[in-house]
Amino acid sequence: MKKTVIAVAISGLFMAAGAQAAPQDNTWYAGGKLGWSNFQTSNSDVSSSITNLSSQDRDDVGGGVYAGYQFNNWLGLEAGYDYLGKMKFNTSAGSDDFKSQGFQLAAKLSYALAPSTDLYGRIGGFAYDSKAFGESKSGVAPLLAFGTEYAINRDWAARFEYQWVSKIGNKDDVGFEPDNGLLSVGVNYRFGQQAPAVAPAPAPEPAPAPAPVTVTKDFSVSSDVLFDFNKATLKPAGQEALANLFAQVKAETPKDGSALVIGYTDRIGSDKYNQALSEKRAKTVADYMISKGFPADKVSIEGRGEADPVTGTQCDGVKAKKKLISCLAPDRRVTIRVSGVKEVTQQ
């Protein structure tokens, strides 16, 4: 890979650096790497004193260890030691090796590709120590790297990286000043990682309040208990019976409920007369309720005369008037119908 291509790729990565998924802010990490080391030389990287350079084995195994500190979700600082291996070569003077190792320090910029995967780049310096022909040369060379890091779990991560170091030597001292590319696989442990906070489960929505229901209830009492036959004035005994009935009505009436007082007669007498009598008896009961505190605007009356008999045809064969009056007693009645909206209590 040419140096210019590598430099352009890494520069583009730095410009796109944004946010990453891991490691967490203000934590340390450490790891190691191992891979393929390749020394890159051209004629300008070899001393003119080296004659008959017949062959070069530029590939070897390289690796290193590193540690870093993550400042925030996109910026870290990383330092480490790298062994770049050796380059074997043959000359007219014999065979030898060019070896290089050193310490590096670089800023690490990261960009999150996915919740567990980061694309990153490193830029910094490499303090090298290179040897050949029994001579050594130390110096500092620029370092660029780019790679991807995958969070295996909360504490461990793996990385795949290409690192490039420029001119790790000096052709006047050790005969060579090659570049080096290190393609490696690494794994690192991240210290102090915290489990992500678990948001509390949202509180369940309260069940909607039950819709109020409309209730209707009838209370009936015999007219013979309340009134003398053919009369609409309460008897003394009728007042007591009506008081008991009203207590039940009041207890069962919903808040803001209303009452309809319905009067009925038997079939003895004309329709007109019976209608008027049923209305009078309904009014007498309604007046009593109002006198006991039932709202006047919530009480209405209705006379139904001899309608809706409960005896049906069972008295049809009775001819004697007294017996007929007695037989038709169930038809003579007053009904108080209470209705209103009642709130339903939620269980």
C-alpha atoms as a PDB file:
ATOM      1  CA  MET A   1       0.000   0.000   0.000  1.00  0.00           C
ATOM      2  CA  LYS A   2       1.420   3.377  -0.976  1.00  0.00           C
ATOM      3  CA  LYS A   3       2.086   5.992   1.671  1.00  0.00           C
ATOM      4  CA  THR A   4      -0.055   8.630   0.010  1.00  0.00           C
ATOM      5  CA  VAL A   5      -3.104   6.333  -0.097  1.00  0.00           C
ATOM      6  CA  ILE A   6      -2.759   5.522   3.598  1.00  0.00           C
ATOM      7  CA  ALA A   7      -2.364   9.180   4.560  1.00  0.00           C
ATOM      8  CA  VAL A   8      -5.437  10.244   2.585  1.00  0.00           C
ATOM      9  CA  ALA A   9      -7.566   7.441   4.106  1.00  0.00           C
ATOM     10  CA  ILE A  10      -6.589   8.339   7.647  1.00  0.00           C
ATOM     11  CA  SER A  11      -7.075  12.071   7.093  1.00  0.00           C
ATOM     12  CA  GLY A  12     -10.583  11.390   5.864  1.00  0.00           C
ATOM     13  CA  LEU A  13     -11.283   9.322   8.960  1.00  0.00           C
ATOM     14  CA  PHE A  14     -10.192  12.144  11.276  1.00  0.00           C
ATOM     15  CA  MET A  15     -12.443  14.619   9.499  1.00  0.00           C
ATOM     16  CA  ALA A  16     -15.431  12.279   9.992  1.00  0.00           C
ATOM     17  CA  ALA A  17     -14.711  11.494  13.637  1.00  0.00           C
ATOM     18  CA  GLY A  18     -17.820  11.819  15.757  1.00  0.00           C
ATOM     19  CA  ALA A  19     -19.147   9.722  18.597  1.00  0.00           C
ATOM     20  CA  GLN A  20     -18.437   6.135  19.622  1.00  0.00           C
ATOM     21  CA  ALA A  21     -20.167   3.485  21.667  1.00  0.00           C
ATOM     22  CA  ALA A  22     -17.292   2.306  23.892  1.00  0.00           C
ATOM     23  CA  PRO A  23     -15.255   2.508  26.040  1.00  0.00           C
ATOM     24  CA  GLN A  24     -16.972   4.812  28.488  1.00  0.00           C
ATOM     25  CA  ASP A  25     -15.762   8.321  29.260  1.00  0.00           C
ATOM     26  CA  ASN A  26     -12.865   8.823  31.700  1.00  0.00           C
ATOM     27  CA  THR A  27     -11.814   5.172  31.836  1.00  0.00           C
ATOM     28  CA  TRP A  28      -8.573   3.291  31.174  1.00  0.00           C
ATOM     29  CA  TYR A  29      -7.978   0.355  28.872  1.00  0.00           C
ATOM     30  CA  ALA A  30      -5.037  -1.929  28.023  1.00  0.00           C
ATOM     31  CA  GLY A  31      -4.410  -4.633  25.464  1.00  0.00           C
ATOM     32  CA  GLY A  32      -2.123  -6.392  23.050  1.00  0.00           C
ATOM     33  CA  LYS A  33      -1.893  -6.990  19.311  1.00  0.00           C
ATOM     34  CA  LEU A  34      -0.239  -9.387  16.883  1.00  0.00           C
ATOM     35  CA  GLY A  35      -0.017  -9.432  13.128  1.00  0.00           C
ATOM     36  CA  TRP A  36       1.888  -9.031   9.885  1.00  0.00           C
ATOM     37  CA  SER A  37       4.738  -6.507   9.703  1.00  0.00           C
ATOM     38  CA  ASN A  38       5.913  -5.269   6.330  1.00  0.00           C
ATOM     39  CA  PHE A  39       8.949  -3.047   5.705  1.00  0.00           C
ATOM     40  CA  GLN A  40       8.622  -0.777   2.678  1.00  0.00           C
ATOM     41  CA  THR A  41      11.762   0.465   0.954  1.00  0.00           C
ATOM     42  CA  SER A  42      12.671   2.200  -2.264  1.00  0.00           C
ATOM     43  CA  ASN A  43      16.069   3.004  -3.744  1.00  0.00           C
ATOM     44  CA  SER A  44      16.063   6.328  -1.926  1.00  0.00           C
ATOM     45  CA  ASP A  45      15.673   4.500   1.410  1.00  0.00           C
ATOM     46  CA  VAL A  46      18.916   2.468   1.021  1.00  0.00           C
ATOM     47  CA  SER A  47      22.442   3.736   1.612  1.00  0.00           C
ATOM     48  CA  SER A  48      24.657   4.038  -1.446  1.00  0.00           C
ATOM     49  CA  SER A  49      27.339   2.182   0.497  1.00  0.00           C
ATOM     50  CA  ILE A  50      25.271  -1.014   0.336  1.00  0.00           C
ATOM     51  CA  THR A  51      26.309  -2.742  -2.877  1.00  0.00           C
ATOM     52  CA  ASN A  52      24.838  -5.728  -4.585  1.00  0.00           C
ATOM     53  CA  LEU A  53      21.612  -5.717  -2.582  1.00  0.00           C
ATOM     54  CA  SER A  54      20.358  -8.932  -4.079  1.00  0.00           C
ATOM     55  CA  SER A  55      17.236  -9.726  -2.080  1.00  0.00           C
ATOM     56  CA  GLN A  56      15.097  -8.544   0.770  1.00  0.00           C
ATOM     57  CA  ASP A  57      12.574 -10.441   2.909  1.00  0.00           C
ATOM     58  CA  ARG A  58      10.440  -7.568   4.082  1.00  0.00           C
ATOM     59  CA  ASP A  59       7.742  -9.549   5.909  1.00  0.00           C
ATOM     60  CA  ASP A  60       7.779 -10.690   9.532  1.00  0.00           C
ATOM     61  CA  VAL A  61       5.589 -11.112  12.580  1.00  0.00           C
ATOM     62  CA  GLY A  62       5.038  -7.968  14.615  1.00  0.00           C
ATOM     63  CA  GLY A  63       3.020  -7.015  17.622  1.00  0.00           C
ATOM     64  CA  GLY A  64       2.840  -4.939  20.722  1.00  0.00           C
ATOM     65  CA  VAL A  65       1.084  -3.916  23.892  1.00  0.00           C
ATOM     66  CA  TYR A  66      -0.740  -0.688  24.568  1.00  0.00           C
ATOM     67  CA  ALA A  67      -2.709   1.245  27.149  1.00  0.00           C
ATOM     68  CA  GLY A  68      -5.009   4.206  26.771  1.00  0.00           C
ATOM     69  CA  TYR A  69      -7.305   6.685  28.464  1.00  0.00           C
ATOM     70  CA  GLN A  70     -10.714   7.554  27.016  1.00  0.00           C
ATOM     71  CA  PHE A  71     -11.534  11.217  27.676  1.00  0.00           C
ATOM     72  CA  ASN A  72     -14.971  11.222  26.069  1.00  0.00           C
ATOM     73  CA  ASN A  73     -16.972   9.326  23.489  1.00  0.00           C
ATOM     74  CA  TRP A  74     -14.709  10.311  20.585  1.00  0.00           C
ATOM     75  CA  LEU A  75     -11.253  11.224  21.975  1.00  0.00           C
ATOM     76  CA  GLY A  76      -8.651   9.085  23.721  1.00  0.00           C
ATOM     77  CA  LEU A  77      -4.878   9.046  24.253  1.00  0.00           C
ATOM     78  CA  GLU A  78      -2.979   5.815  23.661  1.00  0.00           C
ATOM     79  CA  ALA A  79       0.637   4.745  24.380  1.00  0.00           C
ATOM     80  CA  GLY A  80       2.375   1.443  23.781  1.00  0.00           C
ATOM     81  CA  TYR A  81       5.353  -0.634  22.801  1.00  0.00           C
ATOM     82  CA  ASP A  82       5.648  -2.175  19.321  1.00  0.00           C
ATOM     83  CA  TYR A  83       8.028  -4.801  18.027  1.00  0.00           C
ATOM     84  CA  LEU A  84       8.081  -4.422  14.263  1.00  0.00           C
ATOM     85  CA  GLY A  85      10.132  -7.525  13.518  1.00  0.00           C
ATOM     86  CA  LYS A  86      13.017  -7.663  11.090  1.00  0.00           C
ATOM     87  CA  MET A  87      13.801  -7.297   7.395  1.00  0.00           C
ATOM     88  CA  LYS A  88      16.331  -9.840   6.030  1.00  0.00           C
ATOM     89  CA  PHE A  89      18.599  -8.796   3.191  1.00  0.00           C
ATOM     90  CA  ASN A  90      21.622 -10.019   1.214  1.00  0.00           C
ATOM     91  CA  THR A  91      24.532  -7.892  -0.016  1.00  0.00           C
ATOM     92  CA  SER A  92      27.969  -8.521  -1.396  1.00  0.00           C
ATOM     93  CA  ALA A  93      29.225  -8.286   2.178  1.00  0.00           C
ATOM     94  CA  GLY A  94      26.844 -11.007   3.389  1.00  0.00           C
ATOM     95  CA  SER A  95      23.413 -11.366   4.945  1.00  0.00           C
ATOM     96  CA  ASP A  96      22.028  -9.328   7.804  1.00  0.00           C
ATOM     97  CA  ASP A  97      18.806  -8.181   9.420  1.00  0.00           C
ATOM     98  CA  PHE A  98      17.255  -4.776   9.861  1.00  0.00           C
ATOM     99  CA  LYS A  99      15.335  -4.783  13.188  1.00  0.00           C
ATOM    100  CA  SER A 100      13.114  -2.134  14.683  1.00  0.00           C
ATOM    101  CA  GLN A 101      11.083  -1.608  17.826  1.00  0.00           C
ATOM    102  CA  GLY A 102       9.920   1.364  19.832  1.00  0.00           C
ATOM    103  CA  PHE A 103       7.395   3.220  21.910  1.00  0.00           C
ATOM    104  CA  GLN A 104       4.468   5.151  20.543  1.00  0.00           C
ATOM    105  CA  LEU A 105       2.132   7.885  21.733  1.00  0.00           C
ATOM    106  CA  ALA A 106      -0.948   8.838  19.720  1.00  0.00           C
ATOM    107  CA  ALA A 107      -4.317  10.530  19.926  1.00  0.00           C
ATOM    108  CA  LYS A 108      -7.217   8.189  19.147  1.00  0.00           C
ATOM    109  CA  LEU A 109     -10.327   9.529  17.403  1.00  0.00           C
ATOM    110  CA  SER A 110     -13.404   7.322  17.174  1.00  0.00           C
ATOM    111  CA  TYR A 111     -16.689   7.247  15.309  1.00  0.00           C
ATOM    112  CA  ALA A 112     -19.587   4.895  16.179  1.00  0.00           C
ATOM    113  CA  LEU A 113     -20.724   2.753  13.265  1.00  0.00           C
ATOM    114  CA  ALA A 114     -23.120   0.724  15.421  1.00  0.00           C
ATOM    115  CA  PRO A 115     -23.897   0.347  19.140  1.00  0.00           C
ATOM    116  CA  SER A 116     -20.984  -2.110  19.538  1.00  0.00           C
ATOM    117  CA  THR A 117     -18.688  -1.133  16.662  1.00  0.00           C
ATOM    118  CA  ASP A 118     -16.379   1.871  16.278  1.00  0.00           C
ATOM    119  CA  LEU A 119     -14.254   3.101  13.419  1.00  0.00           C
ATOM    120  CA  TYR A 120     -11.158   4.835  14.744  1.00  0.00           C
ATOM    121  CA  GLY A 121      -7.908   6.506  13.719  1.00  0.00           C
ATOM    122  CA  ARG A 122      -4.696   7.232  15.611  1.00  0.00           C
ATOM    123  CA  ILE A 123      -2.128   9.924  14.904  1.00  0.00           C
ATOM    124  CA  GLY A 124       1.064  10.528  16.835  1.00  0.00           C
ATOM    125  CA  GLY A 125       4.759   9.679  17.067  1.00  0.00           C
ATOM    126  CA  PHE A 126       6.883   6.535  17.257  1.00  0.00           C
ATOM    127  CA  ALA A 127      10.162   6.634  19.225  1.00  0.00           C
ATOM    128  CA  TYR A 128      12.039   3.887  17.397  1.00  0.00           C
ATOM    129  CA  ASP A 129      15.275   1.986  17.875  1.00  0.00           C
ATOM    130  CA  SER A 130      16.497   0.389  14.629  1.00  0.00           C
ATOM    131  CA  LYS A 131      19.554  -1.853  14.139  1.00  0.00           C
ATOM    132  CA  ALA A 132      21.536  -3.250  11.198  1.00  0.00           C
ATOM    133  CA  PHE A 133      25.210  -4.009  10.447  1.00  0.00           C
ATOM    134  CA  GLY A 134      25.899  -3.870  14.183  1.00  0.00           C
ATOM    135  CA  GLU A 135      24.838  -0.257  14.335  1.00  0.00           C
ATOM    136  CA  SER A 136      21.733   1.259  15.930  1.00  0.00           C
ATOM    137  CA  LYS A 137      19.767   4.400  15.304  1.00  0.00           C
ATOM    138  CA  SER A 138      17.129   6.013  17.517  1.00  0.00           C
ATOM    139  CA  GLY A 139      14.672   8.719  16.581  1.00  0.00           C
ATOM    140  CA  VAL A 140      11.054   9.764  16.375  1.00  0.00           C
ATOM    141  CA  ALA A 141       8.903   9.057  13.338  1.00  0.00           C
ATOM    142  CA  PRO A 142       5.323  10.044  12.488  1.00  0.00           C
ATOM    143  CA  LEU A 143       2.680   7.371  13.089  1.00  0.00           C
ATOM    144  CA  LEU A 144      -0.738   6.969  11.537  1.00  0.00           C
ATOM    145  CA  ALA A 145      -3.225   4.138  12.038  1.00  0.00           C
ATOM    146  CA  PHE A 146      -6.819   3.310  11.345  1.00  0.00           C
ATOM    147  CA  GLY A 147      -9.028   0.387  12.290  1.00  0.00           C
ATOM    148  CA  THR A 148     -12.278  -0.885  13.737  1.00  0.00           C
ATOM    149  CA  GLU A 149     -13.045  -1.887  17.325  1.00  0.00           C
ATOM    150  CA  TYR A 150     -15.822  -4.224  18.405  1.00  0.00           C
ATOM    151  CA  ALA A 151     -17.136  -4.436  21.964  1.00  0.00           C
ATOM    152  CA  ILE A 152     -17.349  -8.153  22.777  1.00  0.00           C
ATOM    153  CA  ASN A 153     -19.048  -7.325  26.045  1.00  0.00           C
ATOM    154  CA  ARG A 154     -19.000  -4.543  28.624  1.00  0.00           C
ATOM    155  CA  ASP A 155     -15.313  -5.092  29.561  1.00  0.00           C
ATOM    156  CA  TRP A 156     -13.604  -6.662  26.540  1.00  0.00           C
ATOM    157  CA  ALA A 157     -13.146  -5.389  22.994  1.00  0.00           C
ATOM    158  CA  ALA A 158     -11.378  -6.625  19.873  1.00  0.00           C
ATOM    159  CA  ARG A 159      -9.743  -4.489  17.198  1.00  0.00           C
ATOM    160  CA  PHE A 160      -8.442  -4.866  13.658  1.00  0.00           C
ATOM    161  CA  GLU A 161      -5.889  -2.206  12.688  1.00  0.00           C
ATOM    162  CA  TYR A 162      -3.422  -1.053  10.066  1.00  0.00           C
ATOM    163  CA  GLN A 163      -0.555   1.090  11.395  1.00  0.00           C
ATOM    164  CA  TRP A 164       1.966   2.994   9.301  1.00  0.00           C
ATOM    165  CA  VAL A 165       5.262   4.479  10.548  1.00  0.00           C
ATOM    166  CA  SER A 166       7.488   6.573   8.315  1.00  0.00           C
ATOM    167  CA  LYS A 167      11.327   6.267   8.081  1.00  0.00           C
ATOM    168  CA  ILE A 168      12.301   4.210  11.110  1.00  0.00           C
ATOM    169  CA  GLY A 169      16.052   4.399  10.668  1.00  0.00           C
ATOM    170  CA  ASN A 170      18.741   6.337   8.889  1.00  0.00           C
ATOM    171  CA  LYS A 171      20.502   5.130   5.760  1.00  0.00           C
ATOM    172  CA  ASP A 172      23.729   6.888   6.745  1.00  0.00           C
ATOM    173  CA  ASP A 173      23.887   5.078  10.121  1.00  0.00           C
ATOM    174  CA  VAL A 174      22.230   1.683   9.647  1.00  0.00           C
ATOM    175  CA  GLY A 175      21.949   1.574   5.850  1.00  0.00           C
ATOM    176  CA  PHE A 176      18.159   1.754   5.662  1.00  0.00           C
ATOM    177  CA  GLU A 177      15.358   4.131   6.504  1.00  0.00           C
ATOM    178  CA  PRO A 178      12.229   2.149   5.547  1.00  0.00           C
ATOM    179  CA  ASP A 179       8.584   2.733   6.287  1.00  0.00           C
ATOM    180  CA  ASN A 180       6.679   0.034   8.149  1.00  0.00           C
ATOM    181  CA  GLY A 181       3.105  -1.196   7.878  1.00  0.00           C
ATOM    182  CA  LEU A 182       1.692  -3.379  10.657  1.00  0.00           C
ATOM    183  CA  LEU A 183      -1.612  -5.153  10.040  1.00  0.00           C
ATOM    184  CA  SER A 184      -2.729  -6.598  13.359  1.00  0.00           C
ATOM    185  CA  VAL A 185      -5.528  -8.093  15.411  1.00  0.00           C
ATOM    186  CA  GLY A 186      -5.754  -7.018  19.035  1.00  0.00           C
ATOM    187  CA  VAL A 187      -7.835  -7.413  22.148  1.00  0.00           C
ATOM    188  CA  ASN A 188      -8.100  -5.002  25.051  1.00  0.00           C
ATOM    189  CA  TYR A 189      -9.640  -4.882  28.500  1.00  0.00           C
ATOM    190  CA  ARG A 190     -11.502  -1.757  29.514  1.00  0.00           C
ATOM    191  CA  PHE A 191     -11.341  -0.845  33.182  1.00  0.00           C
ATOM    192  CA  GLY A 192     -14.146   0.706  35.206  1.00  0.00           C
ATOM    193  CA  GLN A 193     -16.971   0.121  32.744  1.00  0.00           C
ATOM    194  CA  GLN A 194     -20.366   0.660  34.328  1.00  0.00           C
ATOM    195  CA  ALA A 195     -23.492  -1.241  33.499  1.00  0.00           C
ATOM    196  CA  PRO A 196     -25.897   1.002  31.591  1.00  0.00           C
ATOM    197  CA  ALA A 197     -28.560   2.559  33.724  1.00  0.00           C
ATOM    198  CA  VAL A 198     -31.886   0.821  33.340  1.00  0.00           C
ATOM    199  CA  ALA A 199     -34.742   3.215  32.949  1.00  0.00           C
ATOM    200  CA  PRO A 200     -37.593   2.415  35.313  1.00  0.00           C
ATOM    201  CA  ALA A 201     -40.554   0.789  33.691  1.00  0.00           C
ATOM    202  CA  PRO A 202     -43.233   3.335  32.967  1.00  0.00           C
ATOM    203  CA  ALA A 203     -46.049   3.300  35.435  1.00  0.00           C
ATOM    204  CA  PRO A 204     -49.091   1.525  34.051  1.00  0.00           C
ATOM    205  CA  GLU A 205     -51.798   3.771  32.803  1.00  0.00           C
ATOM    206  CA  PRO A 206     -54.576   4.002  35.364  1.00  0.00           C
ATOM    207  CA  ALA A 207     -57.658   2.127  34.364  1.00  0.00           C
ATOM    208  CA  PRO A 208     -60.318   4.462  33.086  1.00  0.00           C
ATOM    209  CA  ALA A 209     -62.971   5.264  35.621  1.00  0.00           C
ATOM    210  CA  PRO A 210     -66.120   3.218  35.064  1.00  0.00           C
ATOM    211  CA  ALA A 211     -68.740   5.112  33.184  1.00  0.00           C
ATOM    212  CA  PRO A 212     -71.654   6.215  35.345  1.00  0.00           C
ATOM    213  CA  VAL A 213     -74.836   4.248  34.828  1.00  0.00           C
ATOM    214  CA  THR A 214     -78.456   5.333  34.789  1.00  0.00           C
ATOM    215  CA  VAL A 215     -80.527   3.496  37.395  1.00  0.00           C
ATOM    216  CA  THR A 216     -84.295   3.242  37.761  1.00  0.00           C
ATOM    217  CA  LYS A 217     -86.166   1.650  40.644  1.00  0.00           C
ATOM    218  CA  ASP A 218     -89.865   1.345  41.480  1.00  0.00           C
ATOM    219  CA  PHE A 219     -91.434   1.424  44.959  1.00  0.00           C
ATOM    220  CA  SER A 220     -95.137   0.536  45.196  1.00  0.00           C
ATOM    221  CA  VAL A 221     -97.670   0.691  47.974  1.00  0.00           C
ATOM    222  CA  SER A 222    -101.351  -0.269  47.961  1.00  0.00           C
ATOM    223  CA  SER A 223    -103.757   2.654  47.702  1.00  0.00           C
ATOM    224  CA  ASP A 224    -105.969   0.904  50.272  1.00  0.00           C
ATOM    225  CA  VAL A 225    -103.164   1.328  52.807  1.00  0.00           C
ATOM    226  CA  LEU A 226    -102.847   5.033  52.069  1.00  0.00           C
ATOM    227  CA  PHE A 227    -106.424   6.056  51.286  1.00  0.00           C
ATOM    228  CA  ASP A 228    -110.007   5.129  51.995  1.00  0.00           C
ATOM    229  CA  PHE A 229    -111.841   3.660  49.064  1.00  0.00           C
ATOM    230  CA  ASN A 230    -112.645   6.311  46.462  1.00  0.00           C
ATOM    231  CA  LYS A 231    -110.683   8.976  48.362  1.00  0.00           C
ATOM    232  CA  ALA A 232    -107.371  10.866  47.798  1.00  0.00           C
ATOM    233  CA  THR A 233    -106.710  12.025  51.361  1.00  0.00           C
ATOM    234  CA  LEU A 234    -104.094  10.166  53.410  1.00  0.00           C
ATOM    235  CA  LYS A 235    -105.412   8.075  56.277  1.00  0.00           C
ATOM    236  CA  PRO A 236    -103.533   8.292  59.612  1.00  0.00           C
ATOM    237  CA  ALA A 237    -102.274   4.770  59.080  1.00  0.00           C
ATOM    238  CA  GLY A 238    -101.413   5.718  55.524  1.00  0.00           C
ATOM    239  CA  GLN A 239     -99.117   8.491  56.723  1.00  0.00           C
ATOM    240  CA  GLU A 240     -97.064   5.987  58.695  1.00  0.00           C
ATOM    241  CA  ALA A 241     -96.885   3.617  55.731  1.00  0.00           C
ATOM    242  CA  LEU A 242     -95.903   6.468  53.445  1.00  0.00           C
ATOM    243  CA  ALA A 243     -93.210   7.583  55.895  1.00  0.00           C
ATOM    244  CA  ASN A 244     -91.674   4.110  55.785  1.00  0.00           C
ATOM    245  CA  LEU A 245     -91.915   4.064  52.004  1.00  0.00           C
ATOM    246  CA  PHE A 246     -90.327   7.509  51.709  1.00  0.00           C
ATOM    247  CA  ALA A 247     -87.366   6.397  53.862  1.00  0.00           C
ATOM    248  CA  GLN A 248     -86.681   3.626  51.350  1.00  0.00           C
ATOM    249  CA  VAL A 249     -87.097   5.969  48.390  1.00  0.00           C
ATOM    250  CA  LYS A 250     -84.709   8.543  49.856  1.00  0.00           C
ATOM    251  CA  ALA A 251     -82.043   5.914  50.558  1.00  0.00           C
ATOM    252  CA  GLU A 252     -82.209   4.521  47.012  1.00  0.00           C
ATOM    253  CA  THR A 253     -82.444   7.797  45.096  1.00  0.00           C
ATOM    254  CA  PRO A 254     -79.130   8.641  43.287  1.00  0.00           C
ATOM    255  CA  LYS A 255     -77.558  12.040  43.780  1.00  0.00           C
ATOM    256  CA  ASP A 256     -79.536  14.625  41.818  1.00  0.00           C
ATOM    257  CA  GLY A 257     -82.063  11.877  41.025  1.00  0.00           C
ATOM    258  CA  SER A 258     -85.723  12.492  40.239  1.00  0.00           C
ATOM    259  CA  ALA A 259     -88.990  10.810  41.203  1.00  0.00           C
ATOM    260  CA  LEU A 260     -92.131  10.111  39.188  1.00  0.00           C
ATOM    261  CA  VAL A 261     -95.226   9.375  41.307  1.00  0.00           C
ATOM    262  CA  ILE A 262     -97.750   7.245  39.373  1.00  0.00           C
ATOM    263  CA  GLY A 263    -101.309   6.716  40.579  1.00  0.00           C
ATOM    264  CA  TYR A 264    -103.520   3.743  39.571  1.00  0.00           C
ATOM    265  CA  THR A 265    -107.177   2.856  40.236  1.00  0.00           C
ATOM    266  CA  ASP A 266    -109.286  -0.217  39.653  1.00  0.00           C
ATOM    267  CA  ARG A 267    -111.830  -0.508  36.811  1.00  0.00           C
ATOM    268  CA  ILE A 268    -114.872   0.349  38.905  1.00  0.00           C
ATOM    269  CA  GLY A 269    -116.203   3.695  37.761  1.00  0.00           C
ATOM    270  CA  SER A 270    -115.798   5.699  34.551  1.00  0.00           C
ATOM    271  CA  ASP A 271    -112.450   6.171  32.833  1.00  0.00           C
ATOM    272  CA  LYS A 272    -112.608   9.940  33.356  1.00  0.00           C
ATOM    273  CA  TYR A 273    -113.347   9.632  37.041  1.00  0.00           C
ATOM    274  CA  ASN A 274    -110.650   7.029  37.596  1.00  0.00           C
ATOM    275  CA  GLN A 275    -108.084   9.150  35.700  1.00  0.00           C
ATOM    276  CA  ALA A 276    -108.798  12.177  37.905  1.00  0.00           C
ATOM    277  CA  LEU A 277    -108.686  10.055  41.080  1.00  0.00           C
ATOM    278  CA  SER A 278    -105.342   8.500  40.130  1.00  0.00           C
ATOM    279  CA  GLU A 279    -103.855  11.956  39.525  1.00  0.00           C
ATOM    280  CA  LYS A 280    -105.115  13.261  42.880  1.00  0.00           C
ATOM    281  CA  ARG A 281    -103.648  10.317  44.741  1.00  0.00           C
ATOM    282  CA  ALA A 282    -100.295  10.747  42.930  1.00  0.00           C
ATOM    283  CA  LYS A 283    -100.293  14.436  43.845  1.00  0.00           C
ATOM    284  CA  THR A 284    -101.018  13.666  47.510  1.00  0.00           C
ATOM    285  CA  VAL A 285     -97.975  11.359  47.671  1.00  0.00           C
ATOM    286  CA  ALA A 286     -95.818  13.861  45.768  1.00  0.00           C
ATOM    287  CA  ASP A 287     -96.796  16.684  48.145  1.00  0.00           C
ATOM    288  CA  TYR A 288     -95.845  14.496  51.093  1.00  0.00           C
ATOM    289  CA  MET A 289     -92.403  13.796  49.609  1.00  0.00           C
ATOM    290  CA  ILE A 290     -91.797  17.498  49.014  1.00  0.00           C
ATOM    291  CA  SER A 291     -92.856  18.280  52.586  1.00  0.00           C
ATOM    292  CA  LYS A 292     -90.187  15.832  53.780  1.00  0.00           C
ATOM    293  CA  GLY A 293     -87.408  17.540  51.832  1.00  0.00           C
ATOM    294  CA  PHE A 294     -87.443  15.983  48.372  1.00  0.00           C
ATOM    295  CA  PRO A 295     -86.712  18.787  45.840  1.00  0.00           C
ATOM    296  CA  ALA A 296     -89.939  20.000  44.304  1.00  0.00           C
ATOM    297  CA  ASP A 297     -88.330  20.405  40.882  1.00  0.00           C
ATOM    298  CA  LYS A 298     -87.282  16.748  40.986  1.00  0.00           C
ATOM    299  CA  VAL A 299     -90.798  15.372  41.578  1.00  0.00           C
ATOM    300  CA  SER A 300     -93.452  14.859  38.900  1.00  0.00           C
ATOM    301  CA  ILE A 301     -96.820  13.078  38.893  1.00  0.00           C
ATOM    302  CA  GLU A 302     -98.725  10.952  36.475  1.00  0.00           C
ATOM    303  CA  GLY A 303    -102.209   9.429  36.690  1.00  0.00           C
ATOM    304  CA  ARG A 304    -102.869   6.254  34.738  1.00  0.00           C
ATOM    305  CA  GLY A 305    -106.369   5.533  35.949  1.00  0.00           C
ATOM    306  CA  GLU A 306    -107.387   1.910  35.487  1.00  0.00           C
ATOM    307  CA  ALA A 307    -104.523   1.199  33.040  1.00  0.00           C
ATOM    308  CA  ASP A 308    -102.055  -1.632  33.642  1.00  0.00           C
ATOM    309  CA  PRO A 309    -104.157  -3.754  36.017  1.00  0.00           C
ATOM    310  CA  VAL A 310    -102.201  -6.412  37.852  1.00  0.00           C
ATOM    311  CA  THR A 311    -105.245  -8.632  38.464  1.00  0.00           C
ATOM    312  CA  GLY A 312    -105.763  -9.343  34.786  1.00  0.00           C
ATOM    313  CA  THR A 313    -108.978 -11.361  34.277  1.00  0.00           C
ATOM    314  CA  GLN A 314    -109.081 -13.044  37.666  1.00  0.00           C
ATOM    315  CA  CYS A 315    -111.974 -10.849  38.913  1.00  0.00           C
ATOM    316  CA  ASP A 316    -114.139 -11.076  35.796  1.00  0.00           C
ATOM    317  CA  GLY A 317    -116.640 -13.517  37.332  1.00  0.00           C
ATOM    318  CA  VAL A 318    -117.157 -11.528  40.553  1.00  0.00           C
ATOM    319  CA  LYS A 319    -120.550  -9.770  40.634  1.00  0.00           C
ATOM    320  CA  ALA A 320    -121.006  -8.596  44.235  1.00  0.00           C
ATOM    321  CA  LYS A 321    -119.588  -5.096  44.616  1.00  0.00           C
ATOM    322  CA  LYS A 322    -117.877  -5.631  47.971  1.00  0.00           C
ATOM    323  CA  LYS A 323    -116.265  -8.794  46.742  1.00  0.00           C
ATOM    324  CA  LEU A 324    -115.251  -7.065  43.483  1.00  0.00           C
ATOM    325  CA  ILE A 325    -113.716  -4.146  45.394  1.00  0.00           C
ATOM    326  CA  SER A 326    -111.721  -6.614  47.468  1.00  0.00           C
ATOM    327  CA  CYS A 327    -110.665  -8.641  44.443  1.00  0.00           C
ATOM    328  CA  LEU A 328    -109.454  -5.555  42.563  1.00  0.00           C
ATOM    329  CA  ALA A 329    -107.440  -4.186  45.514  1.00  0.00           C
ATOM    330  CA  PRO A 330    -104.003  -4.957  43.921  1.00  0.00           C
ATOM    331  CA  ASP A 331    -104.897  -2.657  40.992  1.00  0.00           C
ATOM    332  CA  ARG A 332    -105.358   0.289  43.341  1.00  0.00           C
ATOM    333  CA  ARG A 333    -101.799   1.375  44.022  1.00  0.00           C
ATOM    334  CA  VAL A 334     -99.272   4.202  43.949  1.00  0.00           C
ATOM    335  CA  THR A 335     -95.791   3.645  42.460  1.00  0.00           C
ATOM    336  CA  ILE A 336     -92.816   5.931  43.067  1.00  0.00           C
ATOM    337  CA  ARG A 337     -90.270   5.509  40.262  1.00  0.00           C
ATOM    338  CA  VAL A 338     -86.840   7.003  41.097  1.00  0.00           C
ATOM    339  CA  SER A 339     -84.131   7.407  38.452  1.00  0.00           C
ATOM    340  CA  GLY A 340     -80.776   9.094  38.054  1.00  0.00           C
ATOM    341  CA  VAL A 341     -77.090   8.682  37.235  1.00  0.00           C
ATOM    342  CA  LYS A 342     -75.096   6.610  39.706  1.00  0.00           C
ATOM    343  CA  GLU A 343     -71.295   6.586  39.886  1.00  0.00           C
ATOM    344  CA  VAL A 344     -69.771   3.108  39.746  1.00  0.00           C
ATOM    345  CA  THR A 345     -67.082   2.467  42.326  1.00  0.00           C
ATOM    346  CA  GLN A 346     -63.888   1.041  40.783  1.00  0.00           C
ATOM    347  CA  GLN A 347     -62.776  -2.198  42.457  1.00  0.00           C
END
